[in-house]
N, C-alpha and C. Protein backbone atom coordinates (compact mmCIF):
# COMPACT_ATOMS: atom_id res chain seq x y z
N MET A 1 0.79 -1.19 -0.03
CA MET A 1 0.05 -0.04 0.03
C MET A 1 0.92 1.21 0.05
N PRO A 2 0.60 2.20 -0.94
CA PRO A 2 1.44 3.41 -0.94
C PRO A 2 1.27 4.21 0.32
N PRO A 3 2.40 5.01 0.67
CA PRO A 3 2.27 5.77 1.90
C PRO A 3 1.50 7.12 1.82
N PHE A 4 1.08 7.41 0.65
CA PHE A 4 0.25 8.55 0.46
C PHE A 4 -0.63 8.37 -0.82
N THR A 5 -1.62 9.15 -0.94
CA THR A 5 -2.65 8.90 -2.12
C THR A 5 -2.41 9.79 -3.24
N ARG A 6 -1.90 10.99 -3.04
CA ARG A 6 -1.61 11.89 -4.14
C ARG A 6 -0.27 12.73 -3.80
N LEU A 7 0.27 13.21 -4.86
CA LEU A 7 1.50 14.00 -4.80
C LEU A 7 1.12 15.47 -5.19
N THR A 8 1.59 16.43 -4.34
CA THR A 8 1.40 17.82 -4.67
C THR A 8 2.80 18.39 -4.95
N ILE A 9 2.98 19.12 -6.13
CA ILE A 9 4.20 19.67 -6.44
C ILE A 9 3.88 21.16 -6.98
N HIS A 10 4.73 22.02 -6.50
CA HIS A 10 4.60 23.42 -6.92
C HIS A 10 5.02 23.53 -8.39
N GLY A 11 4.37 24.36 -9.21
CA GLY A 11 4.65 24.61 -10.51
C GLY A 11 6.20 24.92 -10.83
N VAL A 12 6.73 25.69 -9.95
CA VAL A 12 8.12 26.07 -10.08
C VAL A 12 9.09 24.81 -10.04
N LEU A 13 8.78 23.95 -9.17
CA LEU A 13 9.59 22.73 -9.12
C LEU A 13 9.35 21.79 -10.31
N LEU A 14 8.16 21.75 -10.75
CA LEU A 14 7.77 20.95 -11.90
C LEU A 14 8.53 21.56 -13.12
N GLU A 15 8.63 22.94 -13.24
CA GLU A 15 9.29 23.56 -14.34
C GLU A 15 10.76 23.19 -14.32
N GLU A 16 11.37 23.08 -13.03
CA GLU A 16 12.77 22.74 -12.98
C GLU A 16 12.93 21.30 -13.50
N VAL A 17 12.10 20.34 -13.18
CA VAL A 17 12.11 19.06 -13.76
C VAL A 17 12.07 18.99 -15.26
N LEU A 18 11.11 19.77 -15.82
CA LEU A 18 11.05 19.94 -17.25
C LEU A 18 12.35 20.46 -17.89
N ARG A 19 12.89 21.46 -17.24
CA ARG A 19 14.11 22.12 -17.73
C ARG A 19 15.29 21.06 -17.61
N HIS A 20 15.42 20.24 -16.62
CA HIS A 20 16.40 19.27 -16.49
C HIS A 20 16.24 18.29 -17.67
N ALA A 21 15.06 17.82 -17.93
CA ALA A 21 14.80 16.81 -18.96
C ALA A 21 15.27 17.44 -20.33
N ARG A 22 14.93 18.70 -20.60
CA ARG A 22 15.30 19.26 -21.91
C ARG A 22 16.76 19.49 -22.01
N GLU A 23 17.43 19.90 -20.91
CA GLU A 23 18.88 20.20 -21.01
C GLU A 23 19.65 18.88 -21.15
N ASP A 24 19.27 17.78 -20.47
CA ASP A 24 19.98 16.52 -20.66
C ASP A 24 19.58 15.69 -21.98
N SER A 25 18.46 16.16 -22.67
CA SER A 25 18.16 15.44 -23.86
C SER A 25 19.37 15.57 -24.83
N PRO A 26 19.71 14.41 -25.58
CA PRO A 26 18.87 13.25 -25.81
C PRO A 26 19.06 12.15 -24.84
N ILE A 27 19.86 12.27 -23.77
CA ILE A 27 19.96 11.28 -22.76
C ILE A 27 18.88 11.44 -21.74
N GLU A 28 18.43 10.31 -21.10
CA GLU A 28 17.43 10.38 -20.03
C GLU A 28 18.03 11.12 -18.83
N CYS A 29 17.29 12.02 -18.30
CA CYS A 29 17.62 12.69 -16.99
C CYS A 29 17.05 11.91 -15.83
N CYS A 30 17.57 12.17 -14.65
CA CYS A 30 16.93 11.50 -13.49
C CYS A 30 17.17 12.36 -12.26
N GLY A 31 16.30 12.12 -11.28
CA GLY A 31 16.40 12.92 -10.00
C GLY A 31 15.42 12.39 -9.03
N LEU A 32 15.43 13.16 -7.91
CA LEU A 32 14.56 12.76 -6.79
C LEU A 32 13.72 13.92 -6.38
N LEU A 33 12.48 13.71 -5.96
CA LEU A 33 11.55 14.78 -5.37
C LEU A 33 11.38 14.37 -3.86
N LEU A 34 11.70 15.28 -3.06
CA LEU A 34 11.68 15.08 -1.56
C LEU A 34 10.70 16.02 -0.93
N GLY A 35 10.20 15.54 0.15
CA GLY A 35 9.18 16.40 0.93
C GLY A 35 8.70 15.76 2.18
N THR A 36 7.43 16.05 2.48
CA THR A 36 6.83 15.55 3.60
C THR A 36 5.46 14.87 3.29
N ILE A 37 4.90 14.11 4.25
CA ILE A 37 3.68 13.49 3.95
C ILE A 37 2.78 13.90 5.11
N ALA A 38 1.55 14.52 4.72
CA ALA A 38 0.62 14.99 5.66
C ALA A 38 -0.82 14.65 5.21
N ASN A 39 -1.58 14.01 6.06
CA ASN A 39 -3.00 13.65 5.74
C ASN A 39 -3.15 12.93 4.43
N GLY A 40 -2.20 12.04 4.15
CA GLY A 40 -2.31 11.17 2.98
C GLY A 40 -1.78 11.84 1.72
N VAL A 41 -1.13 13.06 1.78
CA VAL A 41 -0.64 13.76 0.61
C VAL A 41 0.83 13.90 0.70
N GLY A 42 1.54 13.52 -0.32
CA GLY A 42 3.05 13.86 -0.44
C GLY A 42 3.20 15.21 -0.98
N ILE A 43 3.84 16.00 -0.19
CA ILE A 43 4.08 17.50 -0.56
C ILE A 43 5.57 17.67 -0.90
N VAL A 44 5.78 17.93 -2.25
CA VAL A 44 7.19 18.06 -2.67
C VAL A 44 7.78 19.44 -2.26
N THR A 45 8.90 19.46 -1.62
CA THR A 45 9.55 20.71 -1.23
C THR A 45 10.90 20.92 -1.89
N THR A 46 11.55 19.82 -2.42
CA THR A 46 12.83 19.85 -2.83
C THR A 46 13.05 18.94 -4.03
N ARG A 47 13.82 19.32 -4.99
CA ARG A 47 14.19 18.59 -6.18
C ARG A 47 15.63 18.37 -6.12
N PHE A 48 16.07 17.16 -6.41
CA PHE A 48 17.54 16.78 -6.46
C PHE A 48 17.79 16.23 -7.83
N ALA A 49 18.44 16.97 -8.68
CA ALA A 49 18.89 16.39 -9.92
C ALA A 49 20.10 15.57 -9.66
N ILE A 50 20.10 14.31 -10.29
CA ILE A 50 21.21 13.34 -10.13
C ILE A 50 21.63 12.87 -11.53
N ALA A 51 22.85 12.83 -11.63
CA ALA A 51 23.46 12.38 -12.98
C ALA A 51 22.95 11.02 -13.40
N ASN A 52 22.75 10.69 -14.70
CA ASN A 52 22.47 9.46 -15.14
C ASN A 52 23.84 8.81 -15.43
N GLU A 53 24.17 7.84 -14.67
CA GLU A 53 25.47 7.14 -14.72
C GLU A 53 25.57 6.39 -16.12
N LEU A 54 24.46 5.90 -16.72
CA LEU A 54 24.47 5.25 -17.89
C LEU A 54 24.69 6.21 -19.12
N ARG A 55 24.31 7.42 -18.95
CA ARG A 55 24.28 8.45 -20.10
C ARG A 55 23.64 7.76 -21.35
N SER A 56 22.38 7.20 -21.14
CA SER A 56 21.67 6.55 -22.15
C SER A 56 20.50 7.27 -22.73
N GLU A 57 20.25 7.04 -23.85
CA GLU A 57 18.97 7.66 -24.50
C GLU A 57 17.71 6.81 -24.13
N SER A 58 17.92 5.62 -23.53
CA SER A 58 16.79 4.88 -23.26
C SER A 58 16.73 4.13 -21.87
N ASP A 59 17.59 4.50 -20.99
CA ASP A 59 17.70 3.93 -19.67
C ASP A 59 18.37 4.90 -18.77
N TYR A 60 18.28 4.69 -17.51
CA TYR A 60 19.01 5.56 -16.48
C TYR A 60 19.34 4.73 -15.29
N LEU A 61 20.40 5.19 -14.64
CA LEU A 61 20.80 4.67 -13.41
C LEU A 61 21.42 5.85 -12.60
N THR A 62 20.76 6.13 -11.45
CA THR A 62 21.18 7.22 -10.66
C THR A 62 22.49 7.03 -10.14
N GLU A 63 23.38 8.05 -10.35
CA GLU A 63 24.82 8.06 -9.95
C GLU A 63 24.90 7.94 -8.40
N PRO A 64 25.73 7.00 -7.91
CA PRO A 64 25.69 6.77 -6.43
C PRO A 64 26.03 7.93 -5.59
N SER A 65 26.98 8.69 -5.93
CA SER A 65 27.42 9.83 -5.07
C SER A 65 26.26 10.92 -4.98
N GLY A 66 25.55 11.06 -6.09
CA GLY A 66 24.40 11.99 -6.01
C GLY A 66 23.29 11.46 -5.07
N MET A 67 23.14 10.11 -5.13
CA MET A 67 22.05 9.51 -4.32
C MET A 67 22.56 9.68 -2.85
N PHE A 68 23.83 9.45 -2.52
CA PHE A 68 24.32 9.64 -1.20
C PHE A 68 23.99 10.98 -0.61
N LEU A 69 24.36 12.00 -1.45
CA LEU A 69 24.19 13.37 -1.00
C LEU A 69 22.62 13.75 -0.81
N ALA A 70 21.85 13.24 -1.64
CA ALA A 70 20.38 13.37 -1.53
C ALA A 70 19.77 12.73 -0.28
N PHE A 71 20.21 11.51 0.04
CA PHE A 71 19.72 10.76 1.22
C PHE A 71 20.28 11.44 2.45
N ARG A 72 21.47 12.02 2.43
CA ARG A 72 22.04 12.72 3.60
C ARG A 72 21.29 13.99 3.80
N TYR A 73 20.93 14.70 2.73
CA TYR A 73 20.05 15.87 2.88
C TYR A 73 18.75 15.57 3.42
N MET A 74 18.12 14.50 2.94
CA MET A 74 16.79 14.07 3.51
C MET A 74 16.94 13.80 4.98
N ARG A 75 17.84 13.07 5.36
CA ARG A 75 18.10 12.80 6.82
C ARG A 75 18.32 14.05 7.62
N GLU A 76 19.08 14.90 7.19
CA GLU A 76 19.41 16.13 7.93
C GLU A 76 18.21 17.22 8.02
N HIS A 77 17.29 17.05 7.06
CA HIS A 77 16.19 17.98 6.96
C HIS A 77 14.83 17.36 7.35
N GLY A 78 14.89 16.13 7.61
CA GLY A 78 13.59 15.40 8.06
C GLY A 78 12.66 15.25 6.87
N LEU A 79 13.21 14.91 5.67
CA LEU A 79 12.34 14.76 4.54
C LEU A 79 12.19 13.38 4.11
N GLU A 80 11.21 13.04 3.29
CA GLU A 80 10.86 11.68 2.73
C GLU A 80 11.25 11.69 1.27
N LEU A 81 11.63 10.60 0.70
CA LEU A 81 11.68 10.35 -0.72
C LEU A 81 10.19 10.19 -1.10
N LEU A 82 9.75 11.08 -1.98
CA LEU A 82 8.33 10.97 -2.47
C LEU A 82 8.25 10.46 -3.92
N ALA A 83 9.19 10.89 -4.72
CA ALA A 83 9.20 10.51 -6.09
C ALA A 83 10.52 10.41 -6.74
N ILE A 84 10.58 9.56 -7.74
CA ILE A 84 11.80 9.46 -8.59
C ILE A 84 11.34 9.98 -9.98
N TYR A 85 12.04 10.93 -10.54
CA TYR A 85 11.71 11.36 -11.84
C TYR A 85 12.82 11.03 -12.86
N HIS A 86 12.39 10.84 -14.10
CA HIS A 86 13.26 10.66 -15.29
C HIS A 86 12.55 10.99 -16.52
N SER A 87 13.28 11.03 -17.59
CA SER A 87 12.76 11.44 -18.79
C SER A 87 12.75 10.34 -19.92
N HIS A 88 11.91 10.46 -20.85
CA HIS A 88 11.84 9.64 -22.09
C HIS A 88 12.03 10.57 -23.20
N PRO A 89 13.29 10.81 -23.62
CA PRO A 89 13.58 11.85 -24.65
C PRO A 89 12.80 11.81 -25.95
N THR A 90 12.40 10.55 -26.32
CA THR A 90 11.67 10.43 -27.65
C THR A 90 10.52 9.61 -27.61
N SER A 91 9.97 9.40 -26.40
CA SER A 91 8.75 8.52 -26.26
C SER A 91 7.83 9.07 -25.22
N ALA A 92 6.69 8.52 -25.12
CA ALA A 92 5.58 8.92 -24.23
C ALA A 92 6.05 8.69 -22.81
N PRO A 93 5.37 9.42 -21.85
CA PRO A 93 5.76 9.25 -20.48
C PRO A 93 5.06 8.01 -19.76
N VAL A 94 5.24 6.96 -20.34
CA VAL A 94 4.63 5.72 -19.78
C VAL A 94 5.88 4.77 -19.39
N PRO A 95 5.77 4.09 -18.14
CA PRO A 95 6.84 3.24 -17.87
C PRO A 95 7.17 2.17 -18.90
N SER A 96 8.48 2.03 -19.11
CA SER A 96 8.99 1.03 -20.02
C SER A 96 9.23 -0.22 -19.25
N ARG A 97 9.46 -1.34 -19.94
CA ARG A 97 9.80 -2.59 -19.32
C ARG A 97 10.97 -2.38 -18.41
N ARG A 98 11.96 -1.71 -18.89
CA ARG A 98 13.22 -1.46 -18.03
C ARG A 98 12.89 -0.65 -16.75
N ASP A 99 11.93 0.27 -16.91
CA ASP A 99 11.49 1.08 -15.72
C ASP A 99 10.98 0.13 -14.70
N ILE A 100 10.09 -0.73 -15.03
CA ILE A 100 9.40 -1.63 -14.19
C ILE A 100 10.38 -2.73 -13.59
N GLU A 101 11.20 -3.19 -14.39
CA GLU A 101 12.21 -4.15 -13.94
C GLU A 101 13.26 -3.51 -12.98
N GLY A 102 13.59 -2.30 -13.20
CA GLY A 102 14.62 -1.57 -12.38
C GLY A 102 14.12 -0.97 -11.14
N ASN A 103 12.79 -1.02 -10.91
CA ASN A 103 12.17 -0.44 -9.72
C ASN A 103 12.56 -1.26 -8.48
N THR A 104 13.22 -0.55 -7.56
CA THR A 104 13.62 -1.23 -6.37
C THR A 104 12.83 -0.68 -5.16
N TYR A 105 11.94 0.29 -5.38
CA TYR A 105 11.12 0.85 -4.29
C TYR A 105 9.74 0.36 -4.06
N GLY A 106 9.25 -0.52 -5.02
CA GLY A 106 7.82 -1.03 -4.91
C GLY A 106 6.97 0.15 -5.09
N GLU A 107 5.88 0.16 -4.32
CA GLU A 107 4.90 1.22 -4.37
C GLU A 107 5.15 2.22 -3.26
N SER A 108 6.37 2.40 -2.84
CA SER A 108 6.70 3.31 -1.75
C SER A 108 6.92 4.83 -2.26
N VAL A 109 7.23 4.93 -3.57
CA VAL A 109 7.39 6.23 -4.24
C VAL A 109 6.76 6.26 -5.53
N ILE A 110 6.42 7.42 -6.08
CA ILE A 110 5.92 7.69 -7.32
C ILE A 110 7.01 7.82 -8.32
N HIS A 111 6.77 7.34 -9.57
CA HIS A 111 7.77 7.52 -10.62
C HIS A 111 7.10 8.56 -11.71
N LEU A 112 7.75 9.82 -11.68
CA LEU A 112 7.27 10.82 -12.55
C LEU A 112 8.09 10.80 -13.77
N ILE A 113 7.48 10.68 -14.93
CA ILE A 113 8.13 10.46 -16.23
C ILE A 113 7.82 11.74 -17.05
N VAL A 114 8.79 12.33 -17.64
CA VAL A 114 8.65 13.38 -18.63
C VAL A 114 8.92 12.85 -20.00
N GLY A 115 7.80 12.93 -20.81
CA GLY A 115 8.05 12.50 -22.27
C GLY A 115 8.31 13.74 -23.08
N LEU A 116 9.33 13.70 -23.87
CA LEU A 116 9.76 14.76 -24.75
C LEU A 116 9.62 14.25 -26.23
N ARG A 117 8.65 14.87 -26.95
CA ARG A 117 8.47 14.46 -28.33
C ARG A 117 8.29 15.83 -29.03
N GLY A 118 9.32 16.19 -29.87
CA GLY A 118 9.21 17.45 -30.52
C GLY A 118 9.34 18.61 -29.53
N GLU A 119 8.66 19.68 -29.64
CA GLU A 119 8.73 20.75 -28.67
C GLU A 119 7.86 20.59 -27.44
N ASN A 120 7.00 19.67 -27.46
CA ASN A 120 6.18 19.47 -26.30
C ASN A 120 6.68 18.53 -25.20
N ALA A 121 6.25 18.77 -24.06
CA ALA A 121 6.66 17.92 -22.93
C ALA A 121 5.40 17.44 -22.31
N ASP A 122 5.33 16.18 -21.95
CA ASP A 122 4.11 15.66 -21.25
C ASP A 122 4.69 14.96 -19.97
N VAL A 123 3.99 15.20 -18.87
CA VAL A 123 4.43 14.59 -17.62
C VAL A 123 3.26 13.72 -17.09
N ARG A 124 3.61 12.45 -16.65
CA ARG A 124 2.67 11.64 -16.04
C ARG A 124 3.39 10.91 -14.89
N ALA A 125 2.54 10.48 -13.95
CA ALA A 125 3.08 9.78 -12.80
C ALA A 125 2.54 8.48 -12.56
N TRP A 126 3.34 7.58 -11.97
CA TRP A 126 2.92 6.13 -11.87
C TRP A 126 3.35 5.56 -10.57
N TRP A 127 2.55 4.61 -10.09
CA TRP A 127 2.95 3.67 -9.08
C TRP A 127 3.37 2.50 -9.78
N LEU A 128 4.68 2.04 -9.60
CA LEU A 128 5.21 0.80 -10.25
C LEU A 128 5.20 -0.32 -9.34
N MET A 129 4.76 -1.48 -9.87
CA MET A 129 4.61 -2.75 -9.15
C MET A 129 5.50 -3.76 -9.90
N GLU A 130 5.64 -4.99 -9.32
CA GLU A 130 6.54 -5.96 -9.94
C GLU A 130 6.09 -6.30 -11.37
N SER A 131 4.80 -6.40 -11.49
CA SER A 131 4.45 -6.82 -12.99
C SER A 131 3.63 -5.77 -13.81
N GLY A 132 3.74 -4.52 -13.27
CA GLY A 132 2.99 -3.47 -14.00
C GLY A 132 3.07 -2.17 -13.37
N TYR A 133 2.03 -1.34 -13.68
CA TYR A 133 1.99 -0.03 -13.12
C TYR A 133 0.58 0.57 -13.17
N ARG A 134 0.25 1.58 -12.35
CA ARG A 134 -1.01 2.26 -12.36
C ARG A 134 -0.72 3.79 -12.13
N GLU A 135 -1.51 4.58 -12.78
CA GLU A 135 -1.41 5.98 -12.77
C GLU A 135 -1.52 6.54 -11.32
N ALA A 136 -0.71 7.49 -11.00
CA ALA A 136 -0.80 8.21 -9.62
C ALA A 136 -1.44 9.68 -9.88
N VAL A 137 -1.98 10.20 -8.88
CA VAL A 137 -2.55 11.47 -8.86
C VAL A 137 -1.54 12.46 -8.42
N VAL A 138 -1.37 13.43 -9.36
CA VAL A 138 -0.43 14.52 -9.06
C VAL A 138 -1.18 15.87 -9.27
N VAL A 139 -1.04 16.77 -8.18
CA VAL A 139 -1.59 18.08 -8.24
C VAL A 139 -0.46 19.13 -8.41
N VAL A 140 -0.67 19.97 -9.32
CA VAL A 140 0.36 20.98 -9.53
C VAL A 140 -0.20 22.27 -8.83
N ALA A 141 0.53 22.76 -7.88
CA ALA A 141 0.10 23.98 -7.09
C ALA A 141 0.88 25.23 -7.56
N GLY A 142 0.24 26.36 -7.19
CA GLY A 142 1.01 27.61 -7.47
C GLY A 142 0.74 28.23 -8.78
N PHE A 143 -0.09 27.69 -9.60
CA PHE A 143 -0.35 28.39 -10.96
C PHE A 143 -1.80 29.04 -10.87
N GLY A 144 -1.95 30.18 -11.42
CA GLY A 144 -3.30 30.75 -11.48
C GLY A 144 -3.52 31.65 -10.36
């Protein structure tokens, strides 16, 4: 059972994720979204960009020293890992077979995927399970 039912992210942080995906293209970008959980809602407060150790156009592996720094920051600031984000530079933001097979977190975190096709970016979020995935609810705050 997931530790929260929906994820709230401020539009500014989501724009940072999109910028990261565009800047790293054509390789997949990756990073973490950290924050707190209150009343069943994961509230993102911090984004950590992490280098893609594979430097691949179709797969990612978070670089170990970046993960170490992010987890130390989480501990020092009392934050939770809420989501892992990465991009699909030439395809839709739907989990790939590799995304599902590489998931070591079960349903404890959301996987936010940025699909880059042409000039448009599409963002979708997923709960990944051993044999599949289901869409997660994400609320973008701070616009309007």
